[in-house]
Amino acid sequence: MTHAGFAERDVTLLDLLDRALDKGVVLRGDLTLAVADVDLVYVGLQVLLSSVETAERMRRTGRIPDDPGPAERESPVAGP
């Protein structure tokens, strides 16, 4: 099945990797381990995959904020 207006072409893994590194890819996810509806472990993941040049360009233009220090990060688990 082809779509009108789109040219068919082979896309290699190298093409995909080049585009991902040039534009940047952000992956976010949360993982919670629970037993009997009691949350035991929470893991929050944020991954930015880009080239160094792209990351520097994004930081200069304000598209990605500076990384907060450990004291500034919010903890998903409430304290005692």
Protein backbone atom coordinates (compact mmCIF):
# COMPACT_ATOMS: atom_id res chain seq x y z
CA MET A 1 0.00 0.00 0.00
CA THR A 2 1.51 3.33 -1.03
CA HIS A 3 0.44 6.83 -0.13
CA ALA A 4 0.01 9.42 -2.85
CA GLY A 5 2.67 12.10 -2.74
CA PHE A 6 5.25 10.01 -0.89
CA ALA A 7 8.14 8.63 -2.86
CA GLU A 8 9.19 5.14 -1.90
CA ARG A 9 12.84 4.85 -0.93
CA ASP A 10 14.94 2.61 1.21
CA VAL A 11 15.89 4.06 4.58
CA THR A 12 19.00 2.60 6.12
CA LEU A 13 19.90 2.38 9.78
CA LEU A 14 22.64 4.92 9.12
CA ASP A 15 20.06 7.40 7.76
CA LEU A 16 17.89 6.96 10.85
CA LEU A 17 20.83 7.34 13.22
CA ASP A 18 22.06 10.44 11.39
CA ARG A 19 18.63 12.07 11.61
CA ALA A 20 18.19 11.13 15.29
CA LEU A 21 21.59 12.56 16.23
CA ASP A 22 21.00 15.70 14.15
CA LYS A 23 17.53 16.48 15.57
CA GLY A 24 17.78 14.79 18.98
CA VAL A 25 15.48 12.20 20.51
CA VAL A 26 13.98 12.36 24.00
CA LEU A 27 12.83 9.19 25.73
CA ARG A 28 10.89 9.41 28.99
CA GLY A 29 9.46 6.64 31.09
CA ASP A 30 8.34 5.69 34.55
CA LEU A 31 8.62 2.30 36.17
CA THR A 32 6.89 1.36 39.41
CA LEU A 33 7.39 -1.98 41.12
CA ALA A 34 4.41 -2.80 43.32
CA VAL A 35 3.36 -5.82 45.36
CA ALA A 36 -0.23 -6.11 46.57
CA ASP A 37 -0.94 -2.50 45.46
CA VAL A 38 1.97 -1.19 47.56
CA ASP A 39 4.54 0.76 45.53
CA LEU A 40 7.99 -0.47 46.49
CA VAL A 41 10.28 1.05 43.84
CA TYR A 42 9.80 4.01 41.54
CA VAL A 43 12.24 4.78 38.72
CA GLY A 44 11.86 7.82 36.49
CA LEU A 45 13.95 7.84 33.32
CA GLN A 46 14.76 10.70 30.96
CA VAL A 47 17.21 10.14 28.13
CA LEU A 48 18.33 12.67 25.54
CA LEU A 49 20.06 11.11 22.55
CA SER A 50 21.77 13.62 20.30
CA SER A 51 25.14 14.64 19.01
CA VAL A 52 27.22 16.99 21.16
CA GLU A 53 26.82 19.73 18.56
CA THR A 54 23.03 19.39 18.60
CA ALA A 55 22.89 19.38 22.41
CA GLU A 56 25.00 22.55 22.58
CA ARG A 57 22.81 24.23 19.95
CA MET A 58 19.66 23.26 21.86
CA ARG A 59 21.10 24.57 25.14
CA ARG A 60 22.08 27.91 23.53
CA THR A 61 18.60 28.40 22.06
CA GLY A 62 16.91 27.45 25.33
CA ARG A 63 15.19 24.33 23.98
CA ILE A 64 16.58 22.23 26.83
CA PRO A 65 17.06 23.54 30.37
CA ASP A 66 20.20 23.10 32.43
CA ASP A 67 20.18 19.94 34.53
CA PRO A 68 19.05 20.70 38.10
CA GLY A 69 21.27 19.49 40.91
CA PRO A 70 20.19 16.58 43.15
CA ALA A 71 18.86 18.99 45.81
CA GLU A 72 16.64 20.75 43.26
CA ARG A 73 15.07 17.60 41.82
CA GLU A 74 11.63 16.66 43.09
CA SER A 75 11.32 13.24 44.67
CA PRO A 76 8.23 11.24 43.64
CA VAL A 77 8.23 9.54 47.04
CA ALA A 78 6.88 11.56 49.95
CA GLY A 79 9.17 11.82 52.95
CA PRO A 80 8.29 10.79 56.53
